[in-house]
N, C-alpha and C. Protein backbone atom coordinates (compact mmCIF):
# COMPACT_ATOMS: atom_id res chain seq x y z
N GLN A 1 0.82 -1.17 0.00
CA GLN A 1 0.00 0.00 0.00
C GLN A 1 0.88 1.25 0.00
N VAL A 2 0.31 2.32 -0.51
CA VAL A 2 1.01 3.59 -0.61
C VAL A 2 0.22 4.64 0.15
N GLN A 3 0.92 5.44 0.91
CA GLN A 3 0.31 6.56 1.62
C GLN A 3 0.85 7.86 1.05
N LEU A 4 -0.04 8.79 0.78
CA LEU A 4 0.34 10.11 0.31
C LEU A 4 0.11 11.11 1.44
N VAL A 5 1.16 11.82 1.80
CA VAL A 5 1.11 12.78 2.90
C VAL A 5 1.28 14.17 2.33
N GLU A 6 0.27 15.00 2.50
CA GLU A 6 0.25 16.34 1.95
C GLU A 6 0.51 17.36 3.04
N SER A 7 1.09 18.48 2.63
CA SER A 7 1.32 19.59 3.54
C SER A 7 1.40 20.88 2.75
N GLY A 8 1.26 22.00 3.44
CA GLY A 8 1.45 23.31 2.82
C GLY A 8 0.19 24.12 2.61
N GLY A 9 -0.97 23.53 2.82
CA GLY A 9 -2.20 24.28 2.66
C GLY A 9 -2.39 25.29 3.77
N GLY A 10 -3.33 26.20 3.55
CA GLY A 10 -3.61 27.20 4.56
C GLY A 10 -4.37 28.37 4.00
N LEU A 11 -4.35 29.45 4.75
CA LEU A 11 -5.05 30.69 4.39
C LEU A 11 -4.05 31.69 3.84
N VAL A 12 -4.40 32.30 2.71
CA VAL A 12 -3.51 33.27 2.08
C VAL A 12 -4.35 34.39 1.46
N GLN A 13 -3.77 35.57 1.38
CA GLN A 13 -4.45 36.71 0.77
C GLN A 13 -4.38 36.63 -0.75
N PRO A 14 -5.33 37.25 -1.45
CA PRO A 14 -5.24 37.30 -2.91
C PRO A 14 -3.90 37.89 -3.35
N GLY A 15 -3.32 37.27 -4.37
CA GLY A 15 -2.01 37.67 -4.85
C GLY A 15 -0.85 36.99 -4.15
N GLY A 16 -1.14 36.27 -3.08
CA GLY A 16 -0.11 35.59 -2.33
C GLY A 16 0.28 34.26 -2.95
N SER A 17 1.15 33.54 -2.23
CA SER A 17 1.69 32.28 -2.72
C SER A 17 1.64 31.21 -1.65
N LEU A 18 1.54 29.98 -2.10
CA LEU A 18 1.65 28.80 -1.26
C LEU A 18 2.40 27.73 -2.02
N ARG A 19 3.07 26.87 -1.28
CA ARG A 19 3.73 25.72 -1.87
C ARG A 19 3.23 24.45 -1.20
N LEU A 20 2.57 23.60 -1.98
CA LEU A 20 2.07 22.33 -1.48
C LEU A 20 3.09 21.23 -1.73
N SER A 21 3.16 20.29 -0.80
CA SER A 21 4.04 19.14 -0.93
C SER A 21 3.23 17.87 -0.72
N CYS A 22 3.65 16.80 -1.38
CA CYS A 22 3.01 15.49 -1.23
C CYS A 22 4.06 14.42 -1.38
N ALA A 23 4.27 13.65 -0.33
CA ALA A 23 5.27 12.60 -0.32
C ALA A 23 4.60 11.23 -0.29
N ALA A 24 5.05 10.33 -1.15
CA ALA A 24 4.55 8.97 -1.19
C ALA A 24 5.44 8.07 -0.35
N SER A 25 4.81 7.25 0.48
CA SER A 25 5.54 6.30 1.30
C SER A 25 4.76 5.00 1.39
N GLY A 26 5.44 3.92 1.77
CA GLY A 26 4.80 2.63 1.90
C GLY A 26 5.45 1.58 1.03
N THR A 27 4.67 0.61 0.61
CA THR A 27 5.16 -0.51 -0.17
C THR A 27 4.87 -0.29 -1.65
N PHE A 28 5.93 -0.08 -2.42
CA PHE A 28 5.80 0.11 -3.85
C PHE A 28 7.16 -0.06 -4.52
N PHE A 29 7.14 -0.37 -5.80
CA PHE A 29 8.36 -0.43 -6.58
C PHE A 29 8.74 0.94 -7.11
N SER A 30 7.81 1.55 -7.81
CA SER A 30 8.11 2.82 -8.44
C SER A 30 6.83 3.61 -8.67
N ILE A 31 6.84 4.84 -8.19
CA ILE A 31 5.75 5.75 -8.47
C ILE A 31 6.00 6.40 -9.83
N SER A 32 4.99 6.38 -10.66
CA SER A 32 5.10 6.99 -11.98
C SER A 32 4.58 8.42 -11.92
N ASP A 33 3.60 8.75 -12.75
CA ASP A 33 3.09 10.11 -12.77
C ASP A 33 2.52 10.52 -11.42
N MET A 34 2.74 11.77 -11.08
CA MET A 34 2.15 12.36 -9.88
C MET A 34 1.47 13.66 -10.29
N GLY A 35 0.45 14.03 -9.54
CA GLY A 35 -0.27 15.23 -9.93
C GLY A 35 -1.12 15.81 -8.82
N TRP A 36 -1.79 16.89 -9.18
CA TRP A 36 -2.67 17.60 -8.26
C TRP A 36 -4.03 17.83 -8.90
N TYR A 37 -5.07 17.67 -8.10
CA TYR A 37 -6.43 17.99 -8.46
C TYR A 37 -7.01 18.87 -7.37
N ARG A 38 -8.12 19.51 -7.67
CA ARG A 38 -8.77 20.31 -6.65
C ARG A 38 -10.28 20.24 -6.81
N GLN A 39 -10.98 20.53 -5.73
CA GLN A 39 -12.42 20.54 -5.74
C GLN A 39 -12.91 21.71 -4.92
N ALA A 40 -13.57 22.64 -5.58
CA ALA A 40 -14.14 23.81 -4.93
C ALA A 40 -15.57 23.52 -4.50
N PRO A 41 -16.09 24.28 -3.55
CA PRO A 41 -17.46 24.06 -3.10
C PRO A 41 -18.46 24.12 -4.25
N GLY A 42 -19.31 23.12 -4.34
CA GLY A 42 -20.33 23.08 -5.37
C GLY A 42 -19.85 22.72 -6.76
N LYS A 43 -18.58 22.35 -6.89
CA LYS A 43 -18.04 22.01 -8.20
C LYS A 43 -17.43 20.62 -8.19
N GLU A 44 -17.25 20.07 -9.39
CA GLU A 44 -16.62 18.77 -9.53
C GLU A 44 -15.11 18.89 -9.36
N ARG A 45 -14.49 17.77 -9.01
CA ARG A 45 -13.05 17.74 -8.92
C ARG A 45 -12.44 17.99 -10.29
N GLU A 46 -11.43 18.85 -10.35
CA GLU A 46 -10.82 19.20 -11.61
C GLU A 46 -9.31 18.99 -11.58
N PHE A 47 -8.78 18.72 -12.76
CA PHE A 47 -7.35 18.54 -12.94
C PHE A 47 -6.63 19.87 -12.79
N VAL A 48 -5.50 19.85 -12.09
CA VAL A 48 -4.66 21.03 -11.93
C VAL A 48 -3.35 20.87 -12.71
N ALA A 49 -2.59 19.84 -12.39
CA ALA A 49 -1.30 19.63 -13.04
C ALA A 49 -0.82 18.22 -12.77
N ARG A 50 0.04 17.71 -13.64
CA ARG A 50 0.68 16.43 -13.41
C ARG A 50 2.10 16.46 -13.98
N ILE A 51 2.92 15.53 -13.52
CA ILE A 51 4.32 15.49 -13.92
C ILE A 51 4.78 14.04 -13.99
N THR A 52 5.58 13.73 -15.02
CA THR A 52 6.13 12.40 -15.19
C THR A 52 7.45 12.28 -14.44
N PRO A 53 7.96 11.06 -14.26
CA PRO A 53 9.28 10.91 -13.63
C PRO A 53 10.39 11.65 -14.36
N ALA A 54 10.25 11.82 -15.67
CA ALA A 54 11.24 12.53 -16.46
C ALA A 54 11.09 14.04 -16.39
N GLY A 55 10.04 14.52 -15.75
CA GLY A 55 9.86 15.94 -15.58
C GLY A 55 8.95 16.61 -16.58
N ARG A 56 8.31 15.86 -17.45
CA ARG A 56 7.35 16.45 -18.38
C ARG A 56 6.08 16.80 -17.63
N THR A 57 5.53 17.96 -17.96
CA THR A 57 4.40 18.50 -17.20
C THR A 57 3.20 18.80 -18.08
N ASP A 58 2.04 18.77 -17.47
CA ASP A 58 0.79 19.21 -18.08
C ASP A 58 0.07 20.08 -17.06
N TYR A 59 -0.59 21.13 -17.55
CA TYR A 59 -1.32 22.04 -16.69
C TYR A 59 -2.71 22.29 -17.24
N SER A 60 -3.63 22.53 -16.34
CA SER A 60 -4.91 23.08 -16.73
C SER A 60 -4.70 24.49 -17.27
N ASP A 61 -5.43 24.85 -18.31
CA ASP A 61 -5.25 26.16 -18.93
C ASP A 61 -5.44 27.30 -17.93
N SER A 62 -6.34 27.15 -16.99
CA SER A 62 -6.62 28.22 -16.05
C SER A 62 -5.50 28.44 -15.04
N MET A 63 -4.59 27.49 -14.92
CA MET A 63 -3.49 27.60 -13.97
C MET A 63 -2.15 27.90 -14.62
N LYS A 64 -2.08 27.86 -15.94
CA LYS A 64 -0.82 28.11 -16.63
C LYS A 64 -0.29 29.50 -16.31
N GLY A 65 1.01 29.57 -16.03
CA GLY A 65 1.65 30.84 -15.73
C GLY A 65 1.60 31.22 -14.27
N ARG A 66 0.76 30.58 -13.48
CA ARG A 66 0.65 30.87 -12.05
C ARG A 66 1.11 29.71 -11.18
N PHE A 67 0.83 28.49 -11.62
CA PHE A 67 1.18 27.30 -10.85
C PHE A 67 2.33 26.57 -11.52
N THR A 68 3.21 25.99 -10.72
CA THR A 68 4.33 25.21 -11.22
C THR A 68 4.42 23.90 -10.45
N ILE A 69 4.41 22.79 -11.17
CA ILE A 69 4.55 21.48 -10.55
C ILE A 69 5.98 20.99 -10.74
N SER A 70 6.51 20.34 -9.72
CA SER A 70 7.85 19.78 -9.77
C SER A 70 7.89 18.52 -8.91
N ARG A 71 8.99 17.78 -8.98
CA ARG A 71 9.09 16.57 -8.18
C ARG A 71 10.54 16.23 -7.86
N ASP A 72 10.71 15.46 -6.82
CA ASP A 72 11.98 14.90 -6.41
C ASP A 72 11.81 13.39 -6.43
N ASN A 73 12.36 12.75 -7.46
CA ASN A 73 12.15 11.31 -7.63
C ASN A 73 12.77 10.49 -6.49
N ALA A 74 13.90 10.95 -5.97
CA ALA A 74 14.55 10.23 -4.89
C ALA A 74 13.68 10.20 -3.63
N LYS A 75 12.88 11.23 -3.45
CA LYS A 75 12.01 11.32 -2.29
C LYS A 75 10.57 10.94 -2.59
N ASN A 76 10.28 10.62 -3.85
CA ASN A 76 8.91 10.35 -4.27
C ASN A 76 7.96 11.44 -3.79
N THR A 77 8.36 12.65 -4.03
CA THR A 77 7.62 13.80 -3.57
C THR A 77 7.30 14.73 -4.73
N VAL A 78 6.08 15.23 -4.75
CA VAL A 78 5.65 16.18 -5.76
C VAL A 78 5.28 17.49 -5.07
N TYR A 79 5.53 18.60 -5.76
CA TYR A 79 5.28 19.92 -5.22
C TYR A 79 4.38 20.71 -6.16
N LEU A 80 3.66 21.64 -5.60
CA LEU A 80 2.88 22.57 -6.40
C LEU A 80 3.11 23.97 -5.85
N GLN A 81 3.85 24.77 -6.61
CA GLN A 81 4.06 26.17 -6.26
C GLN A 81 2.94 26.99 -6.85
N MET A 82 2.20 27.68 -6.01
CA MET A 82 1.04 28.46 -6.43
C MET A 82 1.31 29.93 -6.17
N ASN A 83 1.34 30.71 -7.23
CA ASN A 83 1.57 32.14 -7.16
C ASN A 83 0.35 32.91 -7.67
N SER A 84 0.30 34.18 -7.33
CA SER A 84 -0.80 35.05 -7.77
C SER A 84 -2.16 34.42 -7.50
N LEU A 85 -2.33 33.96 -6.30
CA LEU A 85 -3.55 33.24 -5.95
C LEU A 85 -4.77 34.15 -5.97
N LYS A 86 -5.87 33.58 -6.40
CA LYS A 86 -7.14 34.27 -6.51
C LYS A 86 -8.17 33.62 -5.60
N PRO A 87 -9.21 34.36 -5.20
CA PRO A 87 -10.27 33.73 -4.40
C PRO A 87 -10.86 32.50 -5.08
N GLU A 88 -10.90 32.49 -6.40
CA GLU A 88 -11.43 31.35 -7.13
C GLU A 88 -10.58 30.10 -6.99
N ASP A 89 -9.35 30.24 -6.50
CA ASP A 89 -8.49 29.09 -6.26
C ASP A 89 -8.82 28.36 -4.97
N THR A 90 -9.70 28.93 -4.17
CA THR A 90 -10.10 28.29 -2.92
C THR A 90 -10.71 26.92 -3.21
N ALA A 91 -10.13 25.89 -2.61
CA ALA A 91 -10.57 24.52 -2.86
C ALA A 91 -9.81 23.57 -1.95
N VAL A 92 -10.26 22.33 -1.93
CA VAL A 92 -9.47 21.26 -1.35
C VAL A 92 -8.58 20.70 -2.46
N TYR A 93 -7.29 20.66 -2.21
CA TYR A 93 -6.33 20.18 -3.19
C TYR A 93 -5.91 18.76 -2.83
N TYR A 94 -5.98 17.88 -3.82
CA TYR A 94 -5.69 16.47 -3.64
C TYR A 94 -4.45 16.06 -4.42
N CYS A 95 -3.59 15.31 -3.79
CA CYS A 95 -2.42 14.73 -4.43
C CYS A 95 -2.79 13.37 -5.01
N ASN A 96 -2.22 13.05 -6.17
CA ASN A 96 -2.47 11.79 -6.85
C ASN A 96 -1.15 11.19 -7.32
N ALA A 97 -1.04 9.87 -7.22
CA ALA A 97 0.16 9.18 -7.68
C ALA A 97 -0.22 7.83 -8.26
N TYR A 98 0.47 7.45 -9.33
CA TYR A 98 0.22 6.18 -10.00
C TYR A 98 1.35 5.21 -9.73
N GLU A 99 1.02 4.04 -9.20
CA GLU A 99 2.00 2.98 -8.96
C GLU A 99 1.83 1.95 -10.06
N VAL A 100 2.76 1.94 -11.02
CA VAL A 100 2.57 1.17 -12.24
C VAL A 100 2.60 -0.33 -12.00
N SER A 101 3.36 -0.81 -11.02
CA SER A 101 3.50 -2.25 -10.81
C SER A 101 2.19 -2.92 -10.41
N VAL A 102 1.30 -2.17 -9.78
CA VAL A 102 0.01 -2.71 -9.38
C VAL A 102 -1.14 -1.98 -10.05
N ALA A 103 -0.82 -1.06 -10.94
CA ALA A 103 -1.81 -0.33 -11.73
C ALA A 103 -2.86 0.34 -10.85
N TYR A 104 -2.40 1.01 -9.82
CA TYR A 104 -3.28 1.70 -8.89
C TYR A 104 -3.00 3.19 -8.88
N TYR A 105 -4.07 3.96 -8.79
CA TYR A 105 -3.97 5.39 -8.51
C TYR A 105 -4.22 5.59 -7.02
N TYR A 106 -3.31 6.29 -6.36
CA TYR A 106 -3.45 6.60 -4.95
C TYR A 106 -3.77 8.08 -4.77
N TRP A 107 -4.53 8.35 -3.73
CA TRP A 107 -4.96 9.72 -3.44
C TRP A 107 -4.64 10.10 -2.00
N GLY A 108 -4.26 11.35 -1.83
CA GLY A 108 -4.13 11.89 -0.50
C GLY A 108 -5.48 12.27 0.07
N GLN A 109 -5.48 12.71 1.32
CA GLN A 109 -6.72 13.08 1.99
C GLN A 109 -7.19 14.47 1.63
N GLY A 110 -6.34 15.24 1.00
CA GLY A 110 -6.69 16.59 0.62
C GLY A 110 -6.20 17.61 1.63
N THR A 111 -5.85 18.78 1.14
CA THR A 111 -5.44 19.88 2.00
C THR A 111 -6.18 21.14 1.57
N GLN A 112 -6.69 21.87 2.55
CA GLN A 112 -7.51 23.04 2.26
C GLN A 112 -6.64 24.24 1.92
N VAL A 113 -6.96 24.88 0.81
CA VAL A 113 -6.36 26.15 0.42
C VAL A 113 -7.47 27.19 0.37
N THR A 114 -7.33 28.23 1.17
CA THR A 114 -8.33 29.29 1.23
C THR A 114 -7.68 30.62 0.89
N VAL A 115 -8.20 31.28 -0.12
CA VAL A 115 -7.72 32.59 -0.55
C VAL A 115 -8.79 33.60 -0.17
N SER A 116 -8.46 34.49 0.73
CA SER A 116 -9.44 35.44 1.25
C SER A 116 -9.86 36.43 0.18
N SER A 117 -11.11 36.86 0.26
CA SER A 117 -11.66 37.78 -0.72
C SER A 117 -11.79 39.20 -0.18
């Protein structure tokens, strides 16, 4: 089993920044793609960003230029640097990781990001 441990959420003013972290631990051979999703009140969960072990990235169009995803393969950790935050970014942010050897997607418990209006 794999556990995803998230940190870095909190309350921030509009225009501010936060850096989220998510570390994978437990029993696994190799974590492949890792990413971030979010779910705002009254809305469906949406894709934010993902990154491959080689460092290739994909972003949601609404987050391009403001959010940056990165990873440390040795630590099996993924990061999300969030800049120029807007009240519309308020959501629960979820970490996701794919363990290819067992073909499972793992999810964190979510971390609350609140941008004051």
